[in-house]
Amino acid sequence: MRVGIGYDVHPLMKGRKLILGGVEIPFEKGLGGHSDADVLAHAIIDALLGAAALPDIGNYFPPDDPLYENISSMVLLERVKELLSLEGWQIINIDATIVAERPRLSFFIDLMKEHISQALGIDIGQLGIKATTTERLGFVGREEGVAAYAVTLVESYAVDNTGTALNRA
């Protein structure tokens, strides 16, 4: 078993949608970035890649590649799940925290869990998501951006050359 940690941050800006955990959140600003800028999904991706000792999100989905412009981070999560499977890793659990002063996110957590668990092909009970503020401190407190942290546990299993599990429980 291996543990990975991920972190991501994107600036809040007008004219963009606020997408967190694959859910569009009603808000006057969205997150700036090349893809949909879903900081929660990106933190989870980096945690998963880190646990498998693979390069970070930018290596697989470069921010200057037009192929990933405005792409849904749920698609990126699906691709990371496929990569982990080919490398012989299965996800045991994920715990993540979104850090945002506004908007209030608690109403959207269950839907985020549904979207992410579906994209990763895991049971919703393997995924914890929380939201917190910084009590108006720092760039998040000034509502300049949103951040997310994620920790994940993965387990290795033997695979054949097609990525099919040989000893998966």
C-alpha atoms as a PDB file:
ATOM      1  CA  MET A   1       0.000   0.000   0.000  1.00  0.00           C
ATOM      2  CA  ARG A   2       1.168   3.529  -0.747  1.00  0.00           C
ATOM      3  CA  VAL A   3      -0.024   7.004   0.278  1.00  0.00           C
ATOM      4  CA  GLY A   4      -0.081  10.085  -1.962  1.00  0.00           C
ATOM      5  CA  ILE A   5      -0.813  13.745  -1.280  1.00  0.00           C
ATOM      6  CA  GLY A   6      -2.031  16.338  -3.753  1.00  0.00           C
ATOM      7  CA  TYR A   7      -2.560  20.087  -3.686  1.00  0.00           C
ATOM      8  CA  ASP A   8      -3.932  22.493  -6.249  1.00  0.00           C
ATOM      9  CA  VAL A   9      -4.944  26.132  -6.406  1.00  0.00           C
ATOM     10  CA  HIS A  10      -6.538  28.292  -9.094  1.00  0.00           C
ATOM     11  CA  PRO A  11      -7.483  31.977  -9.138  1.00  0.00           C
ATOM     12  CA  LEU A  12     -11.101  33.112  -8.973  1.00  0.00           C
ATOM     13  CA  MET A  13     -12.099  35.273 -11.922  1.00  0.00           C
ATOM     14  CA  LYS A  14     -15.170  36.664 -13.619  1.00  0.00           C
ATOM     15  CA  GLY A  15     -16.380  35.065 -16.824  1.00  0.00           C
ATOM     16  CA  ARG A  16     -15.575  31.485 -15.816  1.00  0.00           C
ATOM     17  CA  LYS A  17     -17.721  28.694 -14.369  1.00  0.00           C
ATOM     18  CA  LEU A  18     -16.978  27.431 -10.871  1.00  0.00           C
ATOM     19  CA  ILE A  19     -16.520  23.680 -11.244  1.00  0.00           C
ATOM     20  CA  LEU A  20     -15.615  21.661  -8.150  1.00  0.00           C
ATOM     21  CA  GLY A  21     -15.712  17.890  -8.051  1.00  0.00           C
ATOM     22  CA  GLY A  22     -17.328  17.898 -11.479  1.00  0.00           C
ATOM     23  CA  VAL A  23     -20.231  20.010 -10.211  1.00  0.00           C
ATOM     24  CA  GLU A  24     -21.050  23.472 -11.528  1.00  0.00           C
ATOM     25  CA  ILE A  25     -21.529  25.688  -8.466  1.00  0.00           C
ATOM     26  CA  PRO A  26     -23.649  28.848  -8.865  1.00  0.00           C
ATOM     27  CA  PHE A  27     -21.306  31.766  -8.105  1.00  0.00           C
ATOM     28  CA  GLU A  28     -20.360  35.114  -9.621  1.00  0.00           C
ATOM     29  CA  LYS A  29     -16.796  33.928 -10.317  1.00  0.00           C
ATOM     30  CA  GLY A  30     -15.178  30.769 -11.567  1.00  0.00           C
ATOM     31  CA  LEU A  31     -11.706  29.292 -11.501  1.00  0.00           C
ATOM     32  CA  GLY A  32      -9.163  30.348 -14.091  1.00  0.00           C
ATOM     33  CA  GLY A  33      -7.081  27.713 -15.808  1.00  0.00           C
ATOM     34  CA  HIS A  34      -6.461  25.812 -19.026  1.00  0.00           C
ATOM     35  CA  SER A  35      -8.922  22.993 -18.298  1.00  0.00           C
ATOM     36  CA  ASP A  36     -12.105  23.477 -16.282  1.00  0.00           C
ATOM     37  CA  ALA A  37      -9.717  24.340 -13.386  1.00  0.00           C
ATOM     38  CA  ASP A  38     -11.401  21.920 -10.966  1.00  0.00           C
ATOM     39  CA  VAL A  39      -8.962  22.209  -8.037  1.00  0.00           C
ATOM     40  CA  LEU A  40     -10.569  19.312  -6.176  1.00  0.00           C
ATOM     41  CA  ALA A  41     -10.162  16.895  -9.083  1.00  0.00           C
ATOM     42  CA  HIS A  42      -6.625  18.143  -9.738  1.00  0.00           C
ATOM     43  CA  ALA A  43      -5.555  17.636  -6.123  1.00  0.00           C
ATOM     44  CA  ILE A  44      -6.990  14.105  -6.222  1.00  0.00           C
ATOM     45  CA  ILE A  45      -5.192  13.393  -9.500  1.00  0.00           C
ATOM     46  CA  ASP A  46      -1.842  14.485  -8.060  1.00  0.00           C
ATOM     47  CA  ALA A  47      -2.436  12.448  -4.886  1.00  0.00           C
ATOM     48  CA  LEU A  48      -3.181   9.329  -6.959  1.00  0.00           C
ATOM     49  CA  LEU A  49      -0.206   9.849  -9.240  1.00  0.00           C
ATOM     50  CA  GLY A  50       2.055  10.518  -6.268  1.00  0.00           C
ATOM     51  CA  ALA A  51       0.962   7.363  -4.471  1.00  0.00           C
ATOM     52  CA  ALA A  52       1.863   5.370  -7.578  1.00  0.00           C
ATOM     53  CA  ALA A  53       5.232   7.220  -7.834  1.00  0.00           C
ATOM     54  CA  LEU A  54       4.231   8.606 -11.233  1.00  0.00           C
ATOM     55  CA  PRO A  55       4.869  12.142 -12.562  1.00  0.00           C
ATOM     56  CA  ASP A  56       2.423  14.932 -11.703  1.00  0.00           C
ATOM     57  CA  ILE A  57      -0.718  16.091 -13.507  1.00  0.00           C
ATOM     58  CA  GLY A  58       1.177  18.543 -15.737  1.00  0.00           C
ATOM     59  CA  ASN A  59       3.244  15.717 -17.193  1.00  0.00           C
ATOM     60  CA  TYR A  60       0.164  13.862 -18.430  1.00  0.00           C
ATOM     61  CA  PHE A  61      -2.064  16.851 -19.196  1.00  0.00           C
ATOM     62  CA  PRO A  62       0.219  19.801 -20.053  1.00  0.00           C
ATOM     63  CA  PRO A  63      -1.383  23.212 -19.434  1.00  0.00           C
ATOM     64  CA  ASP A  64      -0.222  24.485 -22.826  1.00  0.00           C
ATOM     65  CA  ASP A  65      -1.649  21.561 -24.827  1.00  0.00           C
ATOM     66  CA  PRO A  66      -4.768  22.635 -26.787  1.00  0.00           C
ATOM     67  CA  LEU A  67      -6.123  19.092 -26.399  1.00  0.00           C
ATOM     68  CA  TYR A  68      -6.865  19.831 -22.720  1.00  0.00           C
ATOM     69  CA  GLU A  69      -8.283  23.338 -23.109  1.00  0.00           C
ATOM     70  CA  ASN A  70     -11.580  23.515 -21.167  1.00  0.00           C
ATOM     71  CA  ILE A  71     -11.602  19.712 -20.758  1.00  0.00           C
ATOM     72  CA  SER A  72     -13.671  18.303 -17.918  1.00  0.00           C
ATOM     73  CA  SER A  73     -11.487  17.174 -15.054  1.00  0.00           C
ATOM     74  CA  MET A  74     -13.787  14.164 -14.721  1.00  0.00           C
ATOM     75  CA  VAL A  75     -12.330  12.984 -18.038  1.00  0.00           C
ATOM     76  CA  LEU A  76      -8.841  13.515 -16.612  1.00  0.00           C
ATOM     77  CA  LEU A  77      -9.784  11.476 -13.511  1.00  0.00           C
ATOM     78  CA  GLU A  78     -11.007   8.646 -15.769  1.00  0.00           C
ATOM     79  CA  ARG A  79      -7.692   8.689 -17.643  1.00  0.00           C
ATOM     80  CA  VAL A  80      -5.706   8.638 -14.395  1.00  0.00           C
ATOM     81  CA  LYS A  81      -7.773   5.673 -13.174  1.00  0.00           C
ATOM     82  CA  GLU A  82      -6.910   3.838 -16.427  1.00  0.00           C
ATOM     83  CA  LEU A  83      -3.225   4.706 -16.000  1.00  0.00           C
ATOM     84  CA  LEU A  84      -3.202   3.443 -12.414  1.00  0.00           C
ATOM     85  CA  SER A  85      -4.890   0.205 -13.483  1.00  0.00           C
ATOM     86  CA  LEU A  86      -2.306  -0.349 -16.216  1.00  0.00           C
ATOM     87  CA  GLU A  87       0.428   0.229 -13.644  1.00  0.00           C
ATOM     88  CA  GLY A  88      -1.157  -2.291 -11.259  1.00  0.00           C
ATOM     89  CA  TRP A  89      -2.683   0.047  -8.669  1.00  0.00           C
ATOM     90  CA  GLN A  90      -6.173   0.098  -7.209  1.00  0.00           C
ATOM     91  CA  ILE A  91      -7.625   2.927  -5.142  1.00  0.00           C
ATOM     92  CA  ILE A  92      -8.383   2.083  -1.521  1.00  0.00           C
ATOM     93  CA  ASN A  93      -9.612   5.489  -0.406  1.00  0.00           C
ATOM     94  CA  ILE A  94      -9.386   9.247  -0.960  1.00  0.00           C
ATOM     95  CA  ASP A  95      -9.821  12.066   1.530  1.00  0.00           C
ATOM     96  CA  ALA A  96      -9.978  15.638   0.231  1.00  0.00           C
ATOM     97  CA  THR A  97     -10.589  19.156   1.502  1.00  0.00           C
ATOM     98  CA  ILE A  98     -11.665  22.194  -0.527  1.00  0.00           C
ATOM     99  CA  VAL A  99     -10.539  25.551   0.887  1.00  0.00           C
ATOM    100  CA  ALA A 100     -12.793  28.439  -0.189  1.00  0.00           C
ATOM    101  CA  GLU A 101     -14.154  31.471   1.617  1.00  0.00           C
ATOM    102  CA  ARG A 102     -17.266  31.507  -0.560  1.00  0.00           C
ATOM    103  CA  PRO A 103     -19.570  30.100  -1.796  1.00  0.00           C
ATOM    104  CA  ARG A 104     -20.869  27.719   0.844  1.00  0.00           C
ATOM    105  CA  LEU A 105     -20.128  24.256  -0.534  1.00  0.00           C
ATOM    106  CA  SER A 106     -21.723  21.841   1.938  1.00  0.00           C
ATOM    107  CA  PHE A 107     -24.873  21.538  -0.196  1.00  0.00           C
ATOM    108  CA  PHE A 108     -22.822  20.211  -3.135  1.00  0.00           C
ATOM    109  CA  ILE A 109     -20.535  17.695  -1.402  1.00  0.00           C
ATOM    110  CA  ASP A 110     -22.728  14.617  -1.990  1.00  0.00           C
ATOM    111  CA  LEU A 111     -23.016  15.406  -5.699  1.00  0.00           C
ATOM    112  CA  MET A 112     -19.241  15.940  -5.927  1.00  0.00           C
ATOM    113  CA  LYS A 113     -18.736  12.535  -4.318  1.00  0.00           C
ATOM    114  CA  GLU A 114     -21.067  10.950  -6.882  1.00  0.00           C
ATOM    115  CA  HIS A 115     -19.234  12.530  -9.831  1.00  0.00           C
ATOM    116  CA  ILE A 116     -15.740  11.682  -8.600  1.00  0.00           C
ATOM    117  CA  SER A 117     -16.541   8.135  -7.477  1.00  0.00           C
ATOM    118  CA  GLN A 118     -18.181   7.471 -10.847  1.00  0.00           C
ATOM    119  CA  ALA A 119     -15.194   8.868 -12.775  1.00  0.00           C
ATOM    120  CA  LEU A 120     -12.786   6.740 -10.740  1.00  0.00           C
ATOM    121  CA  GLY A 121     -14.955   3.630 -10.654  1.00  0.00           C
ATOM    122  CA  ILE A 122     -14.864   3.453  -6.855  1.00  0.00           C
ATOM    123  CA  ASP A 123     -17.557   3.109  -4.232  1.00  0.00           C
ATOM    124  CA  ILE A 124     -18.783   6.417  -2.845  1.00  0.00           C
ATOM    125  CA  GLY A 125     -17.813   5.146   0.626  1.00  0.00           C
ATOM    126  CA  GLN A 126     -14.143   5.204  -0.441  1.00  0.00           C
ATOM    127  CA  LEU A 127     -14.256   8.984  -0.866  1.00  0.00           C
ATOM    128  CA  GLY A 128     -14.345  11.705   1.753  1.00  0.00           C
ATOM    129  CA  ILE A 129     -14.775  15.364   0.785  1.00  0.00           C
ATOM    130  CA  LYS A 130     -14.903  18.320   3.134  1.00  0.00           C
ATOM    131  CA  ALA A 131     -14.967  22.088   2.690  1.00  0.00           C
ATOM    132  CA  THR A 132     -13.502  24.756   4.936  1.00  0.00           C
ATOM    133  CA  THR A 133     -12.550  28.435   4.933  1.00  0.00           C
ATOM    134  CA  THR A 134      -9.402  30.247   6.038  1.00  0.00           C
ATOM    135  CA  GLU A 135     -11.347  32.600   8.316  1.00  0.00           C
ATOM    136  CA  ARG A 136     -10.641  35.435   5.840  1.00  0.00           C
ATOM    137  CA  LEU A 137      -6.851  34.921   5.988  1.00  0.00           C
ATOM    138  CA  GLY A 138      -4.589  34.796   2.914  1.00  0.00           C
ATOM    139  CA  PHE A 139      -5.475  34.674  -0.779  1.00  0.00           C
ATOM    140  CA  VAL A 140      -8.390  32.293  -0.138  1.00  0.00           C
ATOM    141  CA  GLY A 141      -9.727  34.554   2.617  1.00  0.00           C
ATOM    142  CA  ARG A 142      -9.532  37.546   0.272  1.00  0.00           C
ATOM    143  CA  GLU A 143     -11.511  35.460  -2.271  1.00  0.00           C
ATOM    144  CA  GLU A 144      -8.690  35.563  -4.804  1.00  0.00           C
ATOM    145  CA  GLY A 145      -8.648  31.803  -5.316  1.00  0.00           C
ATOM    146  CA  VAL A 146      -9.694  28.343  -4.205  1.00  0.00           C
ATOM    147  CA  ALA A 147      -7.397  25.541  -3.058  1.00  0.00           C
ATOM    148  CA  ALA A 148      -7.793  21.820  -2.439  1.00  0.00           C
ATOM    149  CA  TYR A 149      -5.812  19.115  -0.660  1.00  0.00           C
ATOM    150  CA  ALA A 150      -6.141  15.373  -1.152  1.00  0.00           C
ATOM    151  CA  VAL A 151      -4.654  12.271   0.390  1.00  0.00           C
ATOM    152  CA  THR A 152      -5.106   8.834  -1.122  1.00  0.00           C
ATOM    153  CA  LEU A 153      -4.219   5.255  -0.374  1.00  0.00           C
ATOM    154  CA  VAL A 154      -3.558   2.830  -3.229  1.00  0.00           C
ATOM    155  CA  GLU A 155      -2.691  -0.844  -3.269  1.00  0.00           C
ATOM    156  CA  SER A 156      -0.665  -2.699  -5.866  1.00  0.00           C
ATOM    157  CA  TYR A 157      -1.757  -5.888  -7.571  1.00  0.00           C
ATOM    158  CA  ALA A 158      -0.186  -7.955 -10.322  1.00  0.00           C
ATOM    159  CA  VAL A 159      -1.367  -7.255 -13.876  1.00  0.00           C
ATOM    160  CA  ASP A 160      -0.709  -8.891 -17.221  1.00  0.00           C
ATOM    161  CA  ASN A 161       0.488  -6.884 -20.246  1.00  0.00           C
ATOM    162  CA  THR A 162      -3.081  -5.668 -20.956  1.00  0.00           C
ATOM    163  CA  GLY A 163      -3.607  -4.271 -17.459  1.00  0.00           C
ATOM    164  CA  THR A 164      -5.872  -7.156 -16.396  1.00  0.00           C
ATOM    165  CA  ALA A 165      -5.553  -7.963 -12.686  1.00  0.00           C
ATOM    166  CA  LEU A 166      -4.026 -11.340 -11.922  1.00  0.00           C
ATOM    167  CA  ASN A 167      -4.552 -11.375  -8.163  1.00  0.00           C
ATOM    168  CA  ARG A 168      -7.078  -8.642  -7.520  1.00  0.00           C
ATOM    169  CA  ALA A 169      -9.401  -9.378  -4.617  1.00  0.00           C
END
